């Protein structure tokens, strides 16, 4: 519909507007022409893996070659310019942004005051 509310006549675009049996005949003709291909696709085939790969060779082989080439480019590019990362100890990662002393240093002091320890770690 347009801004004025008038309907646009689309009957000229419908091939079945003047012929009520057009779509039924069209469906029958399409199904008749597709019958052989649909029957071939429904027939069970016992294919082995090499036969399937051979049937897909035009798509599968170039895609595998491209994937291998890209992987090789990425691996060669990664190894040349990057500096080795220094490993962090687990304790360093765990206490990196803490404002208070970590638990092992508090426990290593000797006699531990339980009330002070609970207050230090969050006040349970």
PDB file of N, CA and C in Angstrom:
ATOM      1  N   UNK A   1       0.845  -1.180   0.000  1.00  0.00           N
ATOM      2  CA  UNK A   1       0.000   0.000   0.000  1.00  0.00           C
ATOM      3  C   UNK A   1       0.888   1.240   0.000  1.00  0.00           C
ATOM      4  N   UNK A   2       0.380   2.281  -0.591  1.00  0.00           N
ATOM      5  CA  UNK A   2       1.130   3.527  -0.621  1.00  0.00           C
ATOM      6  C   UNK A   2       0.647   4.442   0.492  1.00  0.00           C
ATOM      7  N   UNK A   3       1.146   5.653   0.499  1.00  0.00           N
ATOM      8  CA  UNK A   3       0.791   6.597   1.564  1.00  0.00           C
ATOM      9  C   UNK A   3      -0.678   6.983   1.557  1.00  0.00           C
ATOM     10  N   UNK A   4      -1.307   6.909   0.416  1.00  0.00           N
ATOM     11  CA  UNK A   4      -2.715   7.289   0.316  1.00  0.00           C
ATOM     12  C   UNK A   4      -3.654   6.153   0.694  1.00  0.00           C
ATOM     13  N   UNK A   5      -3.139   4.958   0.944  1.00  0.00           N
ATOM     14  CA  UNK A   5      -3.980   3.837   1.322  1.00  0.00           C
ATOM     15  C   UNK A   5      -4.512   3.057   0.143  1.00  0.00           C
ATOM     16  N   UNK A   6      -4.133   3.428  -1.073  1.00  0.00           N
ATOM     17  CA  UNK A   6      -4.601   2.717  -2.257  1.00  0.00           C
ATOM     18  C   UNK A   6      -3.787   1.449  -2.439  1.00  0.00           C
ATOM     19  N   UNK A   7      -4.436   0.392  -2.881  1.00  0.00           N
ATOM     20  CA  UNK A   7      -3.749  -0.867  -3.143  1.00  0.00           C
ATOM     21  C   UNK A   7      -3.130  -0.828  -4.535  1.00  0.00           C
ATOM     22  N   UNK A   8      -1.930  -1.397  -4.645  1.00  0.00           N
ATOM     23  CA  UNK A   8      -1.258  -1.461  -5.929  1.00  0.00           C
ATOM     24  C   UNK A   8      -1.679  -2.762  -6.594  1.00  0.00           C
ATOM     25  N   UNK A   9      -2.158  -2.731  -7.839  1.00  0.00           N
ATOM     26  CA  UNK A   9      -2.596  -3.969  -8.500  1.00  0.00           C
ATOM     27  C   UNK A   9      -1.383  -4.827  -8.894  1.00  0.00           C
ATOM     28  N   UNK A  10      -1.309  -6.035  -8.331  1.00  0.00           N
ATOM     29  CA  UNK A  10      -0.210  -6.945  -8.619  1.00  0.00           C
ATOM     30  C   UNK A  10      -0.652  -8.144  -9.442  1.00  0.00           C
ATOM     31  N   UNK A  11      -1.868  -8.135  -9.947  1.00  0.00           N
ATOM     32  CA  UNK A  11      -2.363  -9.254 -10.731  1.00  0.00           C
ATOM     33  C   UNK A  11      -1.540  -9.471 -11.998  1.00  0.00           C
ATOM     34  N   UNK A  12      -0.961  -8.422 -12.519  1.00  0.00           N
ATOM     35  CA  UNK A  12      -0.164  -8.554 -13.741  1.00  0.00           C
ATOM     36  C   UNK A  12       1.110  -9.364 -13.488  1.00  0.00           C
ATOM     37  N   UNK A  13       1.565  -9.424 -12.259  1.00  0.00           N
ATOM     38  CA  UNK A  13       2.764 -10.182 -11.923  1.00  0.00           C
ATOM     39  C   UNK A  13       2.471 -11.648 -11.625  1.00  0.00           C
ATOM     40  N   UNK A  14       1.220 -12.015 -11.380  1.00  0.00           N
ATOM     41  CA  UNK A  14       0.836 -13.384 -11.057  1.00  0.00           C
ATOM     42  C   UNK A  14       0.454 -14.117 -12.331  1.00  0.00           C
ATOM     43  N   UNK A  15       1.225 -15.156 -12.725  1.00  0.00           N
ATOM     44  CA  UNK A  15       0.875 -15.867 -13.951  1.00  0.00           C
ATOM     45  C   UNK A  15      -0.413 -16.667 -13.837  1.00  0.00           C
ATOM     46  N   UNK A  16      -0.860 -16.928 -12.617  1.00  0.00           N
ATOM     47  CA  UNK A  16      -2.088 -17.690 -12.448  1.00  0.00           C
ATOM     48  C   UNK A  16      -3.301 -16.835 -12.172  1.00  0.00           C
ATOM     49  N   UNK A  17      -3.202 -15.537 -12.345  1.00  0.00           N
ATOM     50  CA  UNK A  17      -4.321 -14.651 -12.053  1.00  0.00           C
ATOM     51  C   UNK A  17      -5.486 -14.880 -13.022  1.00  0.00           C
ATOM     52  N   UNK A  18      -5.186 -15.092 -14.287  1.00  0.00           N
ATOM     53  CA  UNK A  18      -6.266 -15.289 -15.251  1.00  0.00           C
ATOM     54  C   UNK A  18      -6.552 -16.759 -15.521  1.00  0.00           C
ATOM     55  N   UNK A  19      -5.691 -17.666 -15.063  1.00  0.00           N
ATOM     56  CA  UNK A  19      -5.849 -19.106 -15.285  1.00  0.00           C
ATOM     57  C   UNK A  19      -5.847 -19.812 -13.924  1.00  0.00           C
ATOM     58  N   UNK A  20      -7.018 -20.268 -13.441  1.00  0.00           N
ATOM     59  CA  UNK A  20      -7.075 -20.857 -12.098  1.00  0.00           C
ATOM     60  C   UNK A  20      -6.309 -22.179 -11.967  1.00  0.00           C
ATOM     61  N   UNK A  21      -6.054 -22.894 -13.029  1.00  0.00           N
ATOM     62  CA  UNK A  21      -5.346 -24.169 -12.920  1.00  0.00           C
ATOM     63  C   UNK A  21      -3.865 -24.072 -13.200  1.00  0.00           C
ATOM     64  N   UNK A  22      -3.337 -22.849 -13.296  1.00  0.00           N
ATOM     65  CA  UNK A  22      -1.936 -22.668 -13.660  1.00  0.00           C
ATOM     66  C   UNK A  22      -0.992 -23.298 -12.642  1.00  0.00           C
ATOM     67  N   UNK A  23      -1.208 -23.016 -11.357  1.00  0.00           N
ATOM     68  CA  UNK A  23      -0.261 -23.492 -10.337  1.00  0.00           C
ATOM     69  C   UNK A  23      -0.309 -25.005 -10.172  1.00  0.00           C
ATOM     70  N   UNK A  24      -1.447 -25.609 -10.343  1.00  0.00           N
ATOM     71  CA  UNK A  24      -1.530 -27.071 -10.274  1.00  0.00           C
ATOM     72  C   UNK A  24      -0.776 -27.702 -11.433  1.00  0.00           C
ATOM     73  N   UNK A  25      -0.942 -27.159 -12.640  1.00  0.00           N
ATOM     74  CA  UNK A  25      -0.200 -27.672 -13.795  1.00  0.00           C
ATOM     75  C   UNK A  25       1.297 -27.418 -13.653  1.00  0.00           C
ATOM     76  N   UNK A  26       1.650 -26.268 -13.125  1.00  0.00           N
ATOM     77  CA  UNK A  26       3.059 -25.936 -12.929  1.00  0.00           C
ATOM     78  C   UNK A  26       3.707 -26.923 -11.948  1.00  0.00           C
ATOM     79  N   UNK A  27       3.022 -27.198 -10.851  1.00  0.00           N
ATOM     80  CA  UNK A  27       3.544 -28.148  -9.855  1.00  0.00           C
ATOM     81  C   UNK A  27       3.699 -29.532 -10.468  1.00  0.00           C
ATOM     82  N   UNK A  28       2.721 -29.989 -11.218  1.00  0.00           N
ATOM     83  CA  UNK A  28       2.795 -31.315 -11.847  1.00  0.00           C
ATOM     84  C   UNK A  28       3.947 -31.377 -12.853  1.00  0.00           C
ATOM     85  N   UNK A  29       4.148 -30.315 -13.620  1.00  0.00           N
ATOM     86  CA  UNK A  29       5.227 -30.314 -14.614  1.00  0.00           C
ATOM     87  C   UNK A  29       6.600 -30.322 -13.943  1.00  0.00           C
ATOM     88  N   UNK A  30       6.766 -29.540 -12.888  1.00  0.00           N
ATOM     89  CA  UNK A  30       8.047 -29.499 -12.178  1.00  0.00           C
ATOM     90  C   UNK A  30       8.344 -30.850 -11.536  1.00  0.00           C
ATOM     91  N   UNK A  31       7.343 -31.469 -10.915  1.00  0.00           N
ATOM     92  CA  UNK A  31       7.566 -32.769 -10.274  1.00  0.00           C
ATOM     93  C   UNK A  31       7.874 -33.850 -11.305  1.00  0.00           C
ATOM     94  N   UNK A  32       7.256 -33.781 -12.468  1.00  0.00           N
ATOM     95  CA  UNK A  32       7.525 -34.759 -13.522  1.00  0.00           C
ATOM     96  C   UNK A  32       8.955 -34.618 -14.032  1.00  0.00           C
ATOM     97  N   UNK A  33       9.414 -33.388 -14.203  1.00  0.00           N
ATOM     98  CA  UNK A  33      10.774 -33.181 -14.692  1.00  0.00           C
ATOM     99  C   UNK A  33      11.818 -33.512 -13.630  1.00  0.00           C
ATOM    100  N   UNK A  34      11.464 -33.416 -12.364  1.00  0.00           N
ATOM    101  CA  UNK A  34      12.414 -33.702 -11.287  1.00  0.00           C
ATOM    102  C   UNK A  34      12.357 -35.154 -10.814  1.00  0.00           C
ATOM    103  N   UNK A  35      11.437 -35.945 -11.332  1.00  0.00           N
ATOM    104  CA  UNK A  35      11.231 -37.317 -10.855  1.00  0.00           C
ATOM    105  C   UNK A  35      12.509 -38.157 -10.963  1.00  0.00           C
ATOM    106  N   UNK A  36      13.213 -38.089 -12.084  1.00  0.00           N
ATOM    107  CA  UNK A  36      14.409 -38.916 -12.278  1.00  0.00           C
ATOM    108  C   UNK A  36      15.501 -38.539 -11.280  1.00  0.00           C
ATOM    109  N   UNK A  37      15.725 -37.250 -11.090  1.00  0.00           N
ATOM    110  CA  UNK A  37      16.767 -36.818 -10.160  1.00  0.00           C
ATOM    111  C   UNK A  37      16.394 -37.150  -8.715  1.00  0.00           C
ATOM    112  N   UNK A  38      15.137 -36.954  -8.350  1.00  0.00           N
ATOM    113  CA  UNK A  38      14.706 -37.288  -6.991  1.00  0.00           C
ATOM    114  C   UNK A  38      14.814 -38.788  -6.739  1.00  0.00           C
ATOM    115  N   UNK A  39      14.483 -39.604  -7.735  1.00  0.00           N
ATOM    116  CA  UNK A  39      14.630 -41.053  -7.594  1.00  0.00           C
ATOM    117  C   UNK A  39      16.086 -41.468  -7.450  1.00  0.00           C
ATOM    118  N   UNK A  40      16.964 -40.820  -8.196  1.00  0.00           N
ATOM    119  CA  UNK A  40      18.389 -41.129  -8.090  1.00  0.00           C
ATOM    120  C   UNK A  40      18.930 -40.771  -6.707  1.00  0.00           C
ATOM    121  N   UNK A  41      18.481 -39.665  -6.152  1.00  0.00           N
ATOM    122  CA  UNK A  41      18.959 -39.240  -4.838  1.00  0.00           C
ATOM    123  C   UNK A  41      18.427 -40.128  -3.725  1.00  0.00           C
ATOM    124  N   UNK A  42      17.243 -40.717  -3.909  1.00  0.00           N
ATOM    125  CA  UNK A  42      16.675 -41.574  -2.873  1.00  0.00           C
ATOM    126  C   UNK A  42      17.219 -42.990  -2.925  1.00  0.00           C
ATOM    127  N   UNK A  43      17.817 -43.373  -4.027  1.00  0.00           N
ATOM    128  CA  UNK A  43      18.343 -44.735  -4.154  1.00  0.00           C
ATOM    129  C   UNK A  43      19.530 -44.900  -3.208  1.00  0.00           C
ATOM    130  N   UNK A  44      19.541 -45.989  -2.425  1.00  0.00           N
ATOM    131  CA  UNK A  44      20.663 -46.187  -1.496  1.00  0.00           C
ATOM    132  C   UNK A  44      21.941 -46.513  -2.265  1.00  0.00           C
ATOM    133  N   UNK A  45      23.021 -45.902  -1.848  1.00  0.00           N
ATOM    134  CA  UNK A  45      24.314 -46.156  -2.461  1.00  0.00           C
ATOM    135  C   UNK A  45      25.285 -46.583  -1.368  1.00  0.00           C
ATOM    136  N   UNK A  46      26.046 -47.609  -1.633  1.00  0.00           N
ATOM    137  CA  UNK A  46      27.069 -48.058  -0.704  1.00  0.00           C
ATOM    138  C   UNK A  46      28.405 -47.489  -1.167  1.00  0.00           C
ATOM    139  N   UNK A  47      28.764 -46.356  -0.613  1.00  0.00           N
ATOM    140  CA  UNK A  47      30.007 -45.696  -0.982  1.00  0.00           C
ATOM    141  C   UNK A  47      31.028 -45.876   0.125  1.00  0.00           C
ATOM    142  N   UNK A  48      32.252 -46.107  -0.270  1.00  0.00           N
ATOM    143  CA  UNK A  48      33.321 -46.181   0.716  1.00  0.00           C
ATOM    144  C   UNK A  48      33.917 -44.780   0.907  1.00  0.00           C
ATOM    145  N   UNK A  49      34.751 -44.640   1.894  1.00  0.00           N
ATOM    146  CA  UNK A  49      35.363 -43.338   2.179  1.00  0.00           C
ATOM    147  C   UNK A  49      36.215 -42.857   1.004  1.00  0.00           C
ATOM    148  N   UNK A  50      37.051 -43.711   0.407  1.00  0.00           N
ATOM    149  CA  UNK A  50      37.815 -43.217  -0.751  1.00  0.00           C
ATOM    150  C   UNK A  50      36.926 -42.767  -1.916  1.00  0.00           C
ATOM    151  N   UNK A  51      35.800 -43.423  -2.131  1.00  0.00           N
ATOM    152  CA  UNK A  51      34.893 -43.003  -3.206  1.00  0.00           C
ATOM    153  C   UNK A  51      34.285 -41.634  -2.915  1.00  0.00           C
ATOM    154  N   UNK A  52      33.930 -41.393  -1.653  1.00  0.00           N
ATOM    155  CA  UNK A  52      33.373 -40.090  -1.284  1.00  0.00           C
ATOM    156  C   UNK A  52      34.426 -38.999  -1.443  1.00  0.00           C
ATOM    157  N   UNK A  53      35.650 -39.265  -0.968  1.00  0.00           N
ATOM    158  CA  UNK A  53      36.720 -38.273  -1.105  1.00  0.00           C
ATOM    159  C   UNK A  53      37.016 -38.016  -2.579  1.00  0.00           C
ATOM    160  N   UNK A  54      37.025 -39.080  -3.397  1.00  0.00           N
ATOM    161  CA  UNK A  54      37.274 -38.915  -4.822  1.00  0.00           C
ATOM    162  C   UNK A  54      36.160 -38.104  -5.478  1.00  0.00           C
ATOM    163  N   UNK A  55      34.922 -38.282  -5.017  1.00  0.00           N
ATOM    164  CA  UNK A  55      33.814 -37.511  -5.567  1.00  0.00           C
ATOM    165  C   UNK A  55      33.907 -36.039  -5.161  1.00  0.00           C
ATOM    166  N   UNK A  56      34.500 -35.758  -4.012  1.00  0.00           N
ATOM    167  CA  UNK A  56      34.618 -34.396  -3.513  1.00  0.00           C
ATOM    168  C   UNK A  56      35.969 -33.765  -3.851  1.00  0.00           C
ATOM    169  N   UNK A  57      36.760 -34.392  -4.695  1.00  0.00           N
ATOM    170  CA  UNK A  57      38.140 -33.965  -4.905  1.00  0.00           C
ATOM    171  C   UNK A  57      38.245 -32.530  -5.419  1.00  0.00           C
ATOM    172  N   UNK A  58      37.306 -32.067  -6.200  1.00  0.00           N
ATOM    173  CA  UNK A  58      37.400 -30.708  -6.740  1.00  0.00           C
ATOM    174  C   UNK A  58      37.215 -29.649  -5.664  1.00  0.00           C
ATOM    175  N   UNK A  59      36.516 -29.987  -4.614  1.00  0.00           N
ATOM    176  CA  UNK A  59      36.314 -29.036  -3.520  1.00  0.00           C
ATOM    177  C   UNK A  59      37.248 -29.318  -2.355  1.00  0.00           C
ATOM    178  N   UNK A  60      37.412 -30.579  -2.021  1.00  0.00           N
ATOM    179  CA  UNK A  60      38.145 -30.958  -0.820  1.00  0.00           C
ATOM    180  C   UNK A  60      39.639 -30.718  -0.939  1.00  0.00           C
ATOM    181  N   UNK A  61      40.244 -31.094  -2.037  1.00  0.00           N
ATOM    182  CA  UNK A  61      41.697 -30.981  -2.180  1.00  0.00           C
ATOM    183  C   UNK A  61      42.150 -29.524  -2.190  1.00  0.00           C
ATOM    184  N   UNK A  62      41.552 -28.622  -2.976  1.00  0.00           N
ATOM    185  CA  UNK A  62      41.997 -27.220  -2.902  1.00  0.00           C
ATOM    186  C   UNK A  62      41.772 -26.592  -1.528  1.00  0.00           C
ATOM    187  N   UNK A  63      40.680 -26.947  -0.864  1.00  0.00           N
ATOM    188  CA  UNK A  63      40.431 -26.395   0.471  1.00  0.00           C
ATOM    189  C   UNK A  63      41.475 -26.894   1.466  1.00  0.00           C
ATOM    190  N   UNK A  64      41.848 -28.160   1.382  1.00  0.00           N
ATOM    191  CA  UNK A  64      42.870 -28.694   2.276  1.00  0.00           C
ATOM    192  C   UNK A  64      44.229 -28.058   1.990  1.00  0.00           C
ATOM    193  N   UNK A  65      44.549 -27.863   0.728  1.00  0.00           N
ATOM    194  CA  UNK A  65      45.817 -27.218   0.384  1.00  0.00           C
ATOM    195  C   UNK A  65      45.860 -25.773   0.885  1.00  0.00           C
ATOM    196  N   UNK A  66      44.753 -25.061   0.747  1.00  0.00           N
ATOM    197  CA  UNK A  66      44.715 -23.686   1.222  1.00  0.00           C
ATOM    198  C   UNK A  66      44.832 -23.623   2.741  1.00  0.00           C
ATOM    199  N   UNK A  67      44.159 -24.530   3.443  1.00  0.00           N
ATOM    200  CA  UNK A  67      44.244 -24.554   4.902  1.00  0.00           C
ATOM    201  C   UNK A  67      45.666 -24.874   5.351  1.00  0.00           C
ATOM    202  N   UNK A  68      46.326 -25.812   4.682  1.00  0.00           N
ATOM    203  CA  UNK A  68      47.702 -26.153   5.041  1.00  0.00           C
ATOM    204  C   UNK A  68      48.646 -24.988   4.758  1.00  0.00           C
ATOM    205  N   UNK A  69      48.451 -24.301   3.643  1.00  0.00           N
ATOM    206  CA  UNK A  69      49.305 -23.159   3.322  1.00  0.00           C
ATOM    207  C   UNK A  69      49.120 -22.031   4.330  1.00  0.00           C
ATOM    208  N   UNK A  70      47.879 -21.736   4.698  1.00  0.00           N
ATOM    209  CA  UNK A  70      47.628 -20.696   5.696  1.00  0.00           C
ATOM    210  C   UNK A  70      48.214 -21.061   7.052  1.00  0.00           C
ATOM    211  N   UNK A  71      48.082 -22.315   7.443  1.00  0.00           N
ATOM    212  CA  UNK A  71      48.657 -22.750   8.717  1.00  0.00           C
ATOM    213  C   UNK A  71      50.175 -22.615   8.688  1.00  0.00           C
ATOM    214  N   UNK A  72      50.799 -22.964   7.572  1.00  0.00           N
ATOM    215  CA  UNK A  72      52.242 -22.810   7.456  1.00  0.00           C
ATOM    216  C   UNK A  72      52.672 -21.362   7.531  1.00  0.00           C
ATOM    217  N   UNK A  73      51.914 -20.472   6.887  1.00  0.00           N
ATOM    218  CA  UNK A  73      52.241 -19.040   6.936  1.00  0.00           C
ATOM    219  C   UNK A  73      52.119 -18.514   8.358  1.00  0.00           C
ATOM    220  N   UNK A  74      51.050 -18.909   9.055  1.00  0.00           N
ATOM    221  CA  UNK A  74      50.874 -18.447  10.433  1.00  0.00           C
ATOM    222  C   UNK A  74      51.969 -18.987  11.348  1.00  0.00           C
ATOM    223  N   UNK A  75      52.361 -20.241  11.161  1.00  0.00           N
ATOM    224  CA  UNK A  75      53.405 -20.812  12.010  1.00  0.00           C
ATOM    225  C   UNK A  75      54.755 -20.157  11.751  1.00  0.00           C
ATOM    226  N   UNK A  76      55.077 -19.903  10.503  1.00  0.00           N
ATOM    227  CA  UNK A  76      56.348 -19.252  10.191  1.00  0.00           C
ATOM    228  C   UNK A  76      56.337 -17.817  10.710  1.00  0.00           C
ATOM    229  N   UNK A  77      55.227 -17.134  10.592  1.00  0.00           N
ATOM    230  CA  UNK A  77      55.129 -15.758  11.070  1.00  0.00           C
ATOM    231  C   UNK A  77      55.183 -15.648  12.580  1.00  0.00           C
ATOM    232  N   UNK A  78      54.697 -16.614  13.297  1.00  0.00           N
ATOM    233  CA  UNK A  78      54.680 -16.580  14.756  1.00  0.00           C
ATOM    234  C   UNK A  78      56.056 -16.822  15.359  1.00  0.00           C
ATOM    235  N   UNK A  79      56.857 -17.683  14.752  1.00  0.00           N
ATOM    236  CA  UNK A  79      58.115 -18.089  15.370  1.00  0.00           C
ATOM    237  C   UNK A  79      59.242 -17.098  15.238  1.00  0.00           C
ATOM    238  N   UNK A  80      59.216 -16.160  14.302  1.00  0.00           N
ATOM    239  CA  UNK A  80      60.392 -15.349  14.037  1.00  0.00           C
ATOM    240  C   UNK A  80      60.516 -14.123  14.931  1.00  0.00           C
ATOM    241  N   UNK A  81      59.490 -13.343  15.137  1.00  0.00           N
ATOM    242  CA  UNK A  81      59.643 -12.065  15.795  1.00  0.00           C
ATOM    243  C   UNK A  81      59.198 -12.001  17.243  1.00  0.00           C
ATOM    244  N   UNK A  82      58.669 -13.021  17.792  1.00  0.00           N
ATOM    245  CA  UNK A  82      58.140 -12.924  19.144  1.00  0.00           C
ATOM    246  C   UNK A  82      59.200 -13.294  20.175  1.00  0.00           C
ATOM    247  N   UNK A  83      59.238 -12.542  21.257  1.00  0.00           N
ATOM    248  CA  UNK A  83      60.164 -12.823  22.349  1.00  0.00           C
ATOM    249  C   UNK A  83      59.543 -13.874  23.255  1.00  0.00           C
ATOM    250  N   UNK A  84      60.363 -14.727  23.847  1.00  0.00           N
ATOM    251  CA  UNK A  84      59.792 -15.745  24.736  1.00  0.00           C
ATOM    252  C   UNK A  84      59.202 -15.105  25.989  1.00  0.00           C
ATOM    253  N   UNK A  85      58.079 -15.615  26.410  1.00  0.00           N
ATOM    254  CA  UNK A  85      57.409 -15.102  27.599  1.00  0.00           C
ATOM    255  C   UNK A  85      58.032 -15.714  28.847  1.00  0.00           C
ATOM    256  N   UNK A  86      58.177 -14.898  29.872  1.00  0.00           N
ATOM    257  CA  UNK A  86      58.718 -15.436  31.115  1.00  0.00           C
ATOM    258  C   UNK A  86      57.581 -16.067  31.894  1.00  0.00           C
ATOM    259  N   UNK A  87      57.764 -17.286  32.331  1.00  0.00           N
ATOM    260  CA  UNK A  87      56.688 -17.940  33.077  1.00  0.00           C
ATOM    261  C   UNK A  87      56.532 -17.322  34.463  1.00  0.00           C
ATOM    262  N   UNK A  88      55.286 -17.220  34.898  1.00  0.00           N
ATOM    263  CA  UNK A  88      54.992 -16.709  36.225  1.00  0.00           C
ATOM    264  C   UNK A  88      54.712 -17.872  37.160  1.00  0.00           C
ATOM    265  N   UNK A  89      55.158 -17.723  38.355  1.00  0.00           N
ATOM    266  CA  UNK A  89      54.836 -18.735  39.346  1.00  0.00           C
ATOM    267  C   UNK A  89      53.380 -18.556  39.753  1.00  0.00           C
ATOM    268  N   UNK A  90      52.749 -19.635  40.150  1.00  0.00           N
ATOM    269  CA  UNK A  90      51.340 -19.585  40.532  1.00  0.00           C
ATOM    270  C   UNK A  90      51.126 -18.631  41.697  1.00  0.00           C
ATOM    271  N   UNK A  91      52.046 -18.609  42.633  1.00  0.00           N
ATOM    272  CA  UNK A  91      51.899 -17.719  43.780  1.00  0.00           C
ATOM    273  C   UNK A  91      51.945 -16.257  43.357  1.00  0.00           C
ATOM    274  N   UNK A  92      52.797 -15.935  42.377  1.00  0.00           N
ATOM    275  CA  UNK A  92      52.887 -14.558  41.907  1.00  0.00           C
ATOM    276  C   UNK A  92      51.586 -14.109  41.262  1.00  0.00           C
ATOM    277  N   UNK A  93      50.959 -14.999  40.511  1.00  0.00           N
ATOM    278  CA  UNK A  93      49.699 -14.656  39.864  1.00  0.00           C
ATOM    279  C   UNK A  93      48.595 -14.474  40.898  1.00  0.00           C
ATOM    280  N   UNK A  94      48.586 -15.306  41.929  1.00  0.00           N
ATOM    281  CA  UNK A  94      47.517 -15.241  42.923  1.00  0.00           C
ATOM    282  C   UNK A  94      47.616 -14.013  43.817  1.00  0.00           C
ATOM    283  N   UNK A  95      48.830 -13.516  44.068  1.00  0.00           N
ATOM    284  CA  UNK A  95      48.974 -12.383  44.990  1.00  0.00           C
ATOM    285  C   UNK A  95      49.288 -11.088  44.255  1.00  0.00           C
ATOM    286  N   UNK A  96      49.132 -11.044  42.966  1.00  0.00           N
ATOM    287  CA  UNK A  96      49.553  -9.905  42.171  1.00  0.00           C
ATOM    288  C   UNK A  96      48.844  -8.606  42.568  1.00  0.00           C
ATOM    289  N   UNK A  97      47.545  -8.570  42.710  1.00  0.00           N
ATOM    290  CA  UNK A  97      46.808  -7.338  42.993  1.00  0.00           C
ATOM    291  C   UNK A  97      46.209  -7.295  44.394  1.00  0.00           C
ATOM    292  N   UNK A  98      46.750  -8.061  45.321  1.00  0.00           N
ATOM    293  CA  UNK A  98      46.216  -8.066  46.681  1.00  0.00           C
ATOM    294  C   UNK A  98      46.711  -6.854  47.451  1.00  0.00           C
ATOM    295  N   UNK A  99      45.839  -6.278  48.261  1.00  0.00           N
ATOM    296  CA  UNK A  99      46.224  -5.141  49.090  1.00  0.00           C
ATOM    297  C   UNK A  99      46.760  -5.607  50.440  1.00  0.00           C
ATOM    298  N   UNK A 100      46.359  -6.800  50.871  1.00  0.00           N
ATOM    299  CA  UNK A 100      46.812  -7.322  52.167  1.00  0.00           C
ATOM    300  C   UNK A 100      47.792  -8.463  51.921  1.00  0.00           C
ATOM    301  N   UNK A 101      48.394  -8.933  52.994  1.00  0.00           N
ATOM    302  CA  UNK A 101      49.346 -10.024  52.868  1.00  0.00           C
ATOM    303  C   UNK A 101      48.630 -11.316  52.497  1.00  0.00           C
ATOM    304  N   UNK A 102      49.267 -12.141  51.680  1.00  0.00           N
ATOM    305  CA  UNK A 102      48.638 -13.419  51.336  1.00  0.00           C
ATOM    306  C   UNK A 102      48.653 -14.378  52.517  1.00  0.00           C
ATOM    307  N   UNK A 103      47.788 -15.388  52.457  1.00  0.00           N
ATOM    308  CA  UNK A 103      47.611 -16.342  53.552  1.00  0.00           C
ATOM    309  C   UNK A 103      48.907 -17.055  53.915  1.00  0.00           C
ATOM    310  N   UNK A 104      49.736 -17.555  52.988  1.00  0.00           N
ATOM    311  CA  UNK A 104      50.953 -18.258  53.417  1.00  0.00           C
ATOM    312  C   UNK A 104      51.896 -17.392  54.233  1.00  0.00           C
ATOM    313  N   UNK A 105      51.990 -16.085  53.915  1.00  0.00           N
ATOM    314  CA  UNK A 105      52.881 -15.238  54.709  1.00  0.00           C
ATOM    315  C   UNK A 105      52.311 -14.986  56.093  1.00  0.00           C
ATOM    316  N   UNK A 106      50.992 -14.905  56.217  1.00  0.00           N
ATOM    317  CA  UNK A 106      50.366 -14.730  57.532  1.00  0.00           C
ATOM    318  C   UNK A 106      50.531 -15.995  58.356  1.00  0.00           C
ATOM    319  N   UNK A 107      50.351 -17.151  57.730  1.00  0.00           N
ATOM    320  CA  UNK A 107      50.473 -18.403  58.459  1.00  0.00           C
ATOM    321  C   UNK A 107      51.923 -18.724  58.812  1.00  0.00           C
ATOM    322  N   UNK A 108      52.875 -18.167  58.097  1.00  0.00           N
ATOM    323  CA  UNK A 108      54.285 -18.460  58.353  1.00  0.00           C
ATOM    324  C   UNK A 108      54.883 -17.657  59.487  1.00  0.00           C
ATOM    325  N   UNK A 109      54.133 -16.797  60.119  1.00  0.00           N
ATOM    326  CA  UNK A 109      54.657 -15.962  61.198  1.00  0.00           C
ATOM    327  C   UNK A 109      54.848 -16.719  62.507  1.00  0.00           C
ATOM    328  N   UNK A 110      54.315 -17.865  62.627  1.00  0.00           N
ATOM    329  CA  UNK A 110      54.416 -18.597  63.901  1.00  0.00           C
ATOM    330  C   UNK A 110      53.046 -18.697  64.533  1.00  0.00           C
ATOM    331  N   UNK A 111      52.875 -18.074  65.682  1.00  0.00           N
ATOM    332  CA  UNK A 111      51.587 -18.099  66.378  1.00  0.00           C
ATOM    333  C   UNK A 111      50.614 -17.181  65.645  1.00  0.00           C
ATOM    334  N   UNK A 112      49.466 -17.720  65.315  1.00  0.00           N
ATOM    335  CA  UNK A 112      48.482 -16.975  64.550  1.00  0.00           C
ATOM    336  C   UNK A 112      47.304 -16.650  65.455  1.00  0.00           C
ATOM    337  N   UNK A 113      46.944 -15.392  65.465  1.00  0.00           N
ATOM    338  CA  UNK A 113      45.764 -14.961  66.206  1.00  0.00           C
ATOM    339  C   UNK A 113      44.569 -15.156  65.269  1.00  0.00           C
ATOM    340  N   UNK A 114      43.666 -16.086  65.620  1.00  0.00           N
ATOM    341  CA  UNK A 114      42.558 -16.411  64.734  1.00  0.00           C
ATOM    342  C   UNK A 114      41.655 -15.217  64.473  1.00  0.00           C
ATOM    343  N   UNK A 115      41.404 -14.404  65.479  1.00  0.00           N
ATOM    344  CA  UNK A 115      40.525 -13.253  65.319  1.00  0.00           C
ATOM    345  C   UNK A 115      41.161 -12.239  64.368  1.00  0.00           C
ATOM    346  N   UNK A 116      42.438 -12.015  64.534  1.00  0.00           N
ATOM    347  CA  UNK A 116      43.127 -11.066  63.648  1.00  0.00           C
ATOM    348  C   UNK A 116      43.198 -11.626  62.221  1.00  0.00           C
ATOM    349  N   UNK A 117      43.397 -12.933  62.102  1.00  0.00           N
ATOM    350  CA  UNK A 117      43.457 -13.537  60.782  1.00  0.00           C
ATOM    351  C   UNK A 117      42.114 -13.422  60.072  1.00  0.00           C
ATOM    352  N   UNK A 118      41.023 -13.723  60.780  1.00  0.00           N
ATOM    353  CA  UNK A 118      39.692 -13.610  60.156  1.00  0.00           C
ATOM    354  C   UNK A 118      39.380 -12.167  59.799  1.00  0.00           C
ATOM    355  N   UNK A 119      39.816 -11.221  60.627  1.00  0.00           N
ATOM    356  CA  UNK A 119      39.604  -9.819  60.300  1.00  0.00           C
ATOM    357  C   UNK A 119      40.429  -9.431  59.069  1.00  0.00           C
ATOM    358  N   UNK A 120      41.633  -9.968  58.975  1.00  0.00           N
ATOM    359  CA  UNK A 120      42.521  -9.662  57.855  1.00  0.00           C
ATOM    360  C   UNK A 120      41.978 -10.191  56.529  1.00  0.00           C
ATOM    361  N   UNK A 121      41.405 -11.402  56.497  1.00  0.00           N
ATOM    362  CA  UNK A 121      40.954 -11.986  55.248  1.00  0.00           C
ATOM    363  C   UNK A 121      39.509 -11.663  54.895  1.00  0.00           C
ATOM    364  N   UNK A 122      38.840 -10.904  55.679  1.00  0.00           N
ATOM    365  CA  UNK A 122      37.507 -10.503  55.254  1.00  0.00           C
ATOM    366  C   UNK A 122      36.466 -10.518  56.336  1.00  0.00           C
ATOM    367  N   UNK A 123      36.808 -10.846  57.531  1.00  0.00           N
ATOM    368  CA  UNK A 123      35.891 -10.751  58.645  1.00  0.00           C
ATOM    369  C   UNK A 123      34.745 -11.743  58.618  1.00  0.00           C
ATOM    370  N   UNK A 124      35.047 -12.993  58.698  1.00  0.00           N
ATOM    371  CA  UNK A 124      33.998 -14.006  58.738  1.00  0.00           C
ATOM    372  C   UNK A 124      33.344 -13.972  60.066  1.00  0.00           C
TER     373      UNK A 124
END
